Amino acid sequence: MGIWDEVDEEISKAREYYEFYYQFPAKEFLNVILREVKQRREEGCDVEAMGERVLHALRRSDGLQAVELHTILCDLERLQPAESFPYIEPSTLDEIRAERPKGPRRME
């Protein structure tokens, strides 16, 4: 079983806890983290260390689980692609324009 399988298992437990005690859809918050992990991995970021952190957060019993998960989400958003990542991923319109091929701009 890999780290993300363990995370999945712990998330199942945490969903029940959040929804019972806090009456909010924890599923959505936890899904945001998983989607961010997937996106950051696809963008060339190393997210493996985050798996251990997510597991640690999900296993907390001191009431600070949500705080730690939020911190992890913020850290995920700040990750940068590895230097060896072979693709350019522009985000702003100017960056996209700079990367597009030269040529005609009108489609007929």
N, C-alpha and C. Protein backbone atom coordinates (compact mmCIF):
# COMPACT_ATOMS: atom_id res chain seq x y z
N MET A 1 0.85 -1.18 0.00
CA MET A 1 0.00 0.00 0.00
C MET A 1 0.90 1.24 0.00
N GLY A 2 0.67 2.15 -0.95
CA GLY A 2 1.46 3.38 -1.05
C GLY A 2 0.96 4.45 -0.10
N ILE A 3 1.72 5.52 -0.02
CA ILE A 3 1.38 6.61 0.89
C ILE A 3 0.02 7.21 0.57
N TRP A 4 -0.29 7.35 -0.71
CA TRP A 4 -1.57 7.98 -1.07
C TRP A 4 -2.75 7.04 -0.83
N ASP A 5 -2.51 5.72 -0.80
CA ASP A 5 -3.57 4.78 -0.41
C ASP A 5 -3.87 4.95 1.08
N GLU A 6 -2.81 5.12 1.87
CA GLU A 6 -3.00 5.36 3.31
C GLU A 6 -3.73 6.67 3.55
N VAL A 7 -3.37 7.70 2.78
CA VAL A 7 -4.05 8.99 2.90
C VAL A 7 -5.53 8.82 2.60
N ASP A 8 -5.83 8.08 1.54
CA ASP A 8 -7.23 7.84 1.17
C ASP A 8 -8.01 7.18 2.31
N GLU A 9 -7.40 6.21 2.94
CA GLU A 9 -8.03 5.50 4.06
C GLU A 9 -8.30 6.45 5.22
N GLU A 10 -7.32 7.28 5.56
CA GLU A 10 -7.48 8.23 6.66
C GLU A 10 -8.51 9.30 6.33
N ILE A 11 -8.59 9.69 5.07
CA ILE A 11 -9.57 10.69 4.66
C ILE A 11 -10.98 10.15 4.88
N SER A 12 -11.20 8.89 4.59
CA SER A 12 -12.51 8.29 4.81
C SER A 12 -12.93 8.42 6.28
N LYS A 13 -11.99 8.17 7.18
CA LYS A 13 -12.28 8.29 8.60
C LYS A 13 -12.54 9.75 8.97
N ALA A 14 -11.72 10.66 8.44
CA ALA A 14 -11.84 12.07 8.78
C ALA A 14 -13.15 12.67 8.29
N ARG A 15 -13.61 12.23 7.13
CA ARG A 15 -14.88 12.76 6.60
C ARG A 15 -16.01 12.52 7.58
N GLU A 16 -16.08 11.32 8.11
CA GLU A 16 -17.13 10.99 9.07
C GLU A 16 -17.02 11.88 10.30
N TYR A 17 -15.81 12.07 10.80
CA TYR A 17 -15.59 12.89 11.99
C TYR A 17 -16.03 14.33 11.76
N TYR A 18 -15.55 14.94 10.67
CA TYR A 18 -15.89 16.33 10.39
C TYR A 18 -17.39 16.52 10.21
N GLU A 19 -17.99 15.65 9.45
CA GLU A 19 -19.40 15.82 9.15
C GLU A 19 -20.26 15.63 10.39
N PHE A 20 -19.86 14.78 11.29
CA PHE A 20 -20.62 14.56 12.52
C PHE A 20 -20.43 15.70 13.50
N TYR A 21 -19.16 16.06 13.78
CA TYR A 21 -18.89 17.04 14.83
C TYR A 21 -19.01 18.49 14.37
N TYR A 22 -18.69 18.78 13.14
CA TYR A 22 -18.69 20.17 12.70
C TYR A 22 -19.81 20.52 11.74
N GLN A 23 -20.54 19.53 11.31
CA GLN A 23 -21.68 19.73 10.43
C GLN A 23 -21.32 20.54 9.17
N PHE A 24 -20.18 20.28 8.61
CA PHE A 24 -19.84 20.88 7.32
C PHE A 24 -19.26 19.78 6.44
N PRO A 25 -19.36 19.94 5.15
CA PRO A 25 -18.92 18.88 4.25
C PRO A 25 -17.40 18.77 4.17
N ALA A 26 -16.82 18.05 5.09
CA ALA A 26 -15.37 17.84 5.11
C ALA A 26 -14.91 17.21 3.81
N LYS A 27 -15.79 16.44 3.22
CA LYS A 27 -15.45 15.78 1.96
C LYS A 27 -14.94 16.82 0.96
N GLU A 28 -15.57 17.97 0.92
CA GLU A 28 -15.17 19.00 -0.04
C GLU A 28 -13.78 19.54 0.27
N PHE A 29 -13.51 19.81 1.54
CA PHE A 29 -12.21 20.34 1.93
C PHE A 29 -11.11 19.32 1.63
N LEU A 30 -11.35 18.09 1.98
CA LEU A 30 -10.35 17.05 1.73
C LEU A 30 -10.17 16.80 0.24
N ASN A 31 -11.25 16.90 -0.51
CA ASN A 31 -11.15 16.73 -1.96
C ASN A 31 -10.34 17.86 -2.60
N VAL A 32 -10.43 19.07 -2.03
CA VAL A 32 -9.63 20.18 -2.54
C VAL A 32 -8.15 19.86 -2.40
N ILE A 33 -7.77 19.30 -1.25
CA ILE A 33 -6.38 18.93 -1.03
C ILE A 33 -5.93 17.87 -2.04
N LEU A 34 -6.75 16.85 -2.24
CA LEU A 34 -6.39 15.80 -3.18
C LEU A 34 -6.30 16.31 -4.61
N ARG A 35 -7.21 17.21 -4.99
CA ARG A 35 -7.15 17.80 -6.33
C ARG A 35 -5.89 18.66 -6.50
N GLU A 36 -5.54 19.39 -5.43
CA GLU A 36 -4.34 20.22 -5.49
C GLU A 36 -3.08 19.35 -5.61
N VAL A 37 -3.06 18.23 -4.88
CA VAL A 37 -1.93 17.30 -4.98
C VAL A 37 -1.81 16.81 -6.43
N LYS A 38 -2.92 16.41 -7.00
CA LYS A 38 -2.91 15.91 -8.38
C LYS A 38 -2.43 16.99 -9.34
N GLN A 39 -2.96 18.18 -9.20
CA GLN A 39 -2.59 19.27 -10.09
C GLN A 39 -1.12 19.61 -9.96
N ARG A 40 -0.64 19.73 -8.73
CA ARG A 40 0.76 20.10 -8.52
C ARG A 40 1.70 19.01 -9.05
N ARG A 41 1.30 17.75 -8.92
CA ARG A 41 2.10 16.65 -9.47
C ARG A 41 2.17 16.78 -10.99
N GLU A 42 1.02 17.05 -11.62
CA GLU A 42 0.98 17.20 -13.07
C GLU A 42 1.78 18.41 -13.54
N GLU A 43 1.94 19.40 -12.68
CA GLU A 43 2.70 20.60 -13.02
C GLU A 43 4.19 20.44 -12.74
N GLY A 44 4.60 19.24 -12.34
CA GLY A 44 6.02 18.96 -12.15
C GLY A 44 6.54 19.16 -10.74
N CYS A 45 5.65 19.32 -9.77
CA CYS A 45 6.07 19.52 -8.38
C CYS A 45 6.21 18.17 -7.68
N ASP A 46 7.14 18.10 -6.75
CA ASP A 46 7.33 16.89 -5.95
C ASP A 46 6.37 16.96 -4.76
N VAL A 47 5.35 16.12 -4.79
CA VAL A 47 4.32 16.15 -3.74
C VAL A 47 4.41 14.96 -2.79
N GLU A 48 5.38 14.09 -2.98
CA GLU A 48 5.45 12.87 -2.16
C GLU A 48 5.58 13.16 -0.68
N ALA A 49 6.37 14.16 -0.31
CA ALA A 49 6.53 14.49 1.12
C ALA A 49 5.22 14.96 1.73
N MET A 50 4.34 15.50 0.91
CA MET A 50 3.05 15.97 1.41
C MET A 50 2.18 14.81 1.88
N GLY A 51 2.38 13.64 1.29
CA GLY A 51 1.59 12.48 1.71
C GLY A 51 1.77 12.17 3.17
N GLU A 52 3.01 12.19 3.65
CA GLU A 52 3.28 11.96 5.07
C GLU A 52 2.65 13.03 5.93
N ARG A 53 2.72 14.26 5.46
CA ARG A 53 2.14 15.37 6.24
C ARG A 53 0.62 15.25 6.32
N VAL A 54 -0.01 14.86 5.20
CA VAL A 54 -1.47 14.70 5.21
C VAL A 54 -1.85 13.57 6.16
N LEU A 55 -1.12 12.46 6.10
CA LEU A 55 -1.39 11.36 7.02
C LEU A 55 -1.27 11.80 8.47
N HIS A 56 -0.20 12.52 8.77
CA HIS A 56 0.00 13.00 10.14
C HIS A 56 -1.18 13.88 10.57
N ALA A 57 -1.59 14.78 9.69
CA ALA A 57 -2.71 15.67 10.02
C ALA A 57 -4.00 14.90 10.24
N LEU A 58 -4.27 13.93 9.38
CA LEU A 58 -5.51 13.16 9.50
C LEU A 58 -5.55 12.30 10.75
N ARG A 59 -4.38 11.94 11.27
CA ARG A 59 -4.32 11.08 12.46
C ARG A 59 -4.26 11.88 13.75
N ARG A 60 -4.25 13.19 13.66
CA ARG A 60 -4.20 14.03 14.86
C ARG A 60 -5.47 13.85 15.68
N SER A 61 -5.32 13.95 16.98
CA SER A 61 -6.49 13.84 17.85
C SER A 61 -6.56 15.03 18.81
N ASP A 62 -5.80 16.08 18.53
CA ASP A 62 -5.76 17.22 19.45
C ASP A 62 -6.61 18.40 19.01
N GLY A 63 -7.47 18.19 18.01
CA GLY A 63 -8.37 19.26 17.57
C GLY A 63 -7.75 20.23 16.57
N LEU A 64 -6.52 20.00 16.17
CA LEU A 64 -5.85 20.91 15.24
C LEU A 64 -5.73 20.32 13.84
N GLN A 65 -6.50 19.30 13.58
CA GLN A 65 -6.44 18.62 12.28
C GLN A 65 -6.73 19.58 11.13
N ALA A 66 -7.79 20.35 11.24
CA ALA A 66 -8.17 21.25 10.15
C ALA A 66 -7.13 22.33 9.94
N VAL A 67 -6.53 22.81 11.01
CA VAL A 67 -5.48 23.84 10.91
C VAL A 67 -4.29 23.28 10.13
N GLU A 68 -3.89 22.09 10.48
CA GLU A 68 -2.74 21.48 9.80
C GLU A 68 -3.06 21.21 8.34
N LEU A 69 -4.26 20.74 8.04
CA LEU A 69 -4.65 20.49 6.65
C LEU A 69 -4.65 21.79 5.85
N HIS A 70 -5.12 22.86 6.47
CA HIS A 70 -5.12 24.15 5.78
C HIS A 70 -3.68 24.60 5.50
N THR A 71 -2.79 24.39 6.45
CA THR A 71 -1.38 24.74 6.26
C THR A 71 -0.79 23.93 5.10
N ILE A 72 -1.12 22.67 5.04
CA ILE A 72 -0.63 21.81 3.95
C ILE A 72 -1.14 22.32 2.61
N LEU A 73 -2.41 22.69 2.56
CA LEU A 73 -2.98 23.22 1.31
C LEU A 73 -2.22 24.47 0.88
N CYS A 74 -1.94 25.36 1.80
CA CYS A 74 -1.18 26.58 1.48
C CYS A 74 0.21 26.23 0.98
N ASP A 75 0.85 25.25 1.62
CA ASP A 75 2.19 24.83 1.19
C ASP A 75 2.14 24.20 -0.20
N LEU A 76 1.11 23.44 -0.49
CA LEU A 76 0.95 22.85 -1.82
C LEU A 76 0.87 23.94 -2.88
N GLU A 77 0.12 24.99 -2.58
CA GLU A 77 -0.06 26.07 -3.54
C GLU A 77 1.25 26.81 -3.81
N ARG A 78 2.18 26.78 -2.87
CA ARG A 78 3.46 27.48 -3.03
C ARG A 78 4.55 26.62 -3.69
N LEU A 79 4.29 25.34 -3.88
CA LEU A 79 5.31 24.48 -4.50
C LEU A 79 5.66 24.96 -5.90
N GLN A 80 6.92 24.80 -6.24
CA GLN A 80 7.40 25.16 -7.57
C GLN A 80 7.79 23.88 -8.31
N PRO A 81 7.63 23.86 -9.62
CA PRO A 81 8.03 22.68 -10.40
C PRO A 81 9.52 22.39 -10.24
N ALA A 82 9.86 21.14 -10.34
CA ALA A 82 11.27 20.73 -10.28
C ALA A 82 12.01 21.33 -11.47
N GLU A 83 13.28 21.63 -11.26
CA GLU A 83 14.12 22.20 -12.34
C GLU A 83 14.13 21.27 -13.56
N SER A 84 14.02 19.97 -13.31
CA SER A 84 14.08 18.99 -14.39
C SER A 84 12.76 18.83 -15.15
N PHE A 85 11.70 19.52 -14.71
CA PHE A 85 10.41 19.41 -15.38
C PHE A 85 10.54 19.94 -16.80
N PRO A 86 10.23 19.12 -17.81
CA PRO A 86 10.53 19.48 -19.19
C PRO A 86 9.53 20.42 -19.87
N TYR A 87 8.45 20.79 -19.20
CA TYR A 87 7.42 21.60 -19.84
C TYR A 87 7.37 23.00 -19.25
N ILE A 88 6.92 23.93 -20.06
CA ILE A 88 6.69 25.30 -19.60
C ILE A 88 5.20 25.43 -19.36
N GLU A 89 4.82 25.89 -18.18
CA GLU A 89 3.41 26.02 -17.80
C GLU A 89 3.08 27.49 -17.52
N PRO A 90 2.84 28.29 -18.57
CA PRO A 90 2.53 29.70 -18.33
C PRO A 90 1.18 29.85 -17.63
N SER A 91 1.08 30.88 -16.80
CA SER A 91 -0.15 31.11 -16.05
C SER A 91 -0.86 32.39 -16.46
N THR A 92 -0.10 33.43 -16.74
CA THR A 92 -0.72 34.71 -17.09
C THR A 92 -0.88 34.82 -18.60
N LEU A 93 -1.72 35.74 -19.03
CA LEU A 93 -1.95 35.93 -20.46
C LEU A 93 -0.66 36.34 -21.16
N ASP A 94 0.12 37.22 -20.54
CA ASP A 94 1.38 37.64 -21.15
C ASP A 94 2.34 36.46 -21.30
N GLU A 95 2.41 35.58 -20.29
CA GLU A 95 3.28 34.41 -20.38
C GLU A 95 2.81 33.46 -21.48
N ILE A 96 1.50 33.30 -21.60
CA ILE A 96 0.94 32.43 -22.64
C ILE A 96 1.27 32.99 -24.01
N ARG A 97 1.09 34.29 -24.18
CA ARG A 97 1.40 34.92 -25.46
C ARG A 97 2.88 34.77 -25.81
N ALA A 98 3.74 34.89 -24.81
CA ALA A 98 5.19 34.77 -25.05
C ALA A 98 5.57 33.36 -25.49
N GLU A 99 4.84 32.36 -25.07
CA GLU A 99 5.16 30.97 -25.37
C GLU A 99 4.50 30.43 -26.64
N ARG A 100 3.47 31.11 -27.12
CA ARG A 100 2.78 30.58 -28.29
C ARG A 100 3.64 30.71 -29.54
N PRO A 101 3.41 29.82 -30.50
CA PRO A 101 4.21 29.87 -31.73
C PRO A 101 3.95 31.14 -32.52
N LYS A 102 4.96 31.57 -33.23
CA LYS A 102 4.80 32.74 -34.12
C LYS A 102 3.92 32.33 -35.28
N GLY A 103 3.21 33.29 -35.83
CA GLY A 103 2.38 32.98 -37.00
C GLY A 103 1.10 33.79 -37.00
N PRO A 104 0.21 33.48 -37.91
CA PRO A 104 -1.03 34.24 -38.02
C PRO A 104 -1.88 34.10 -36.77
N ARG A 105 -2.58 35.15 -36.42
CA ARG A 105 -3.42 35.16 -35.24
C ARG A 105 -4.92 35.12 -35.56
N ARG A 106 -5.24 35.11 -36.82
CA ARG A 106 -6.65 35.09 -37.19
C ARG A 106 -6.99 33.75 -37.83
N MET A 107 -8.05 33.19 -37.36
CA MET A 107 -8.54 31.94 -37.95
C MET A 107 -9.60 32.27 -38.98
N GLU A 108 -9.50 31.65 -40.13
CA GLU A 108 -10.51 31.91 -41.17
C GLU A 108 -11.28 30.67 -41.50
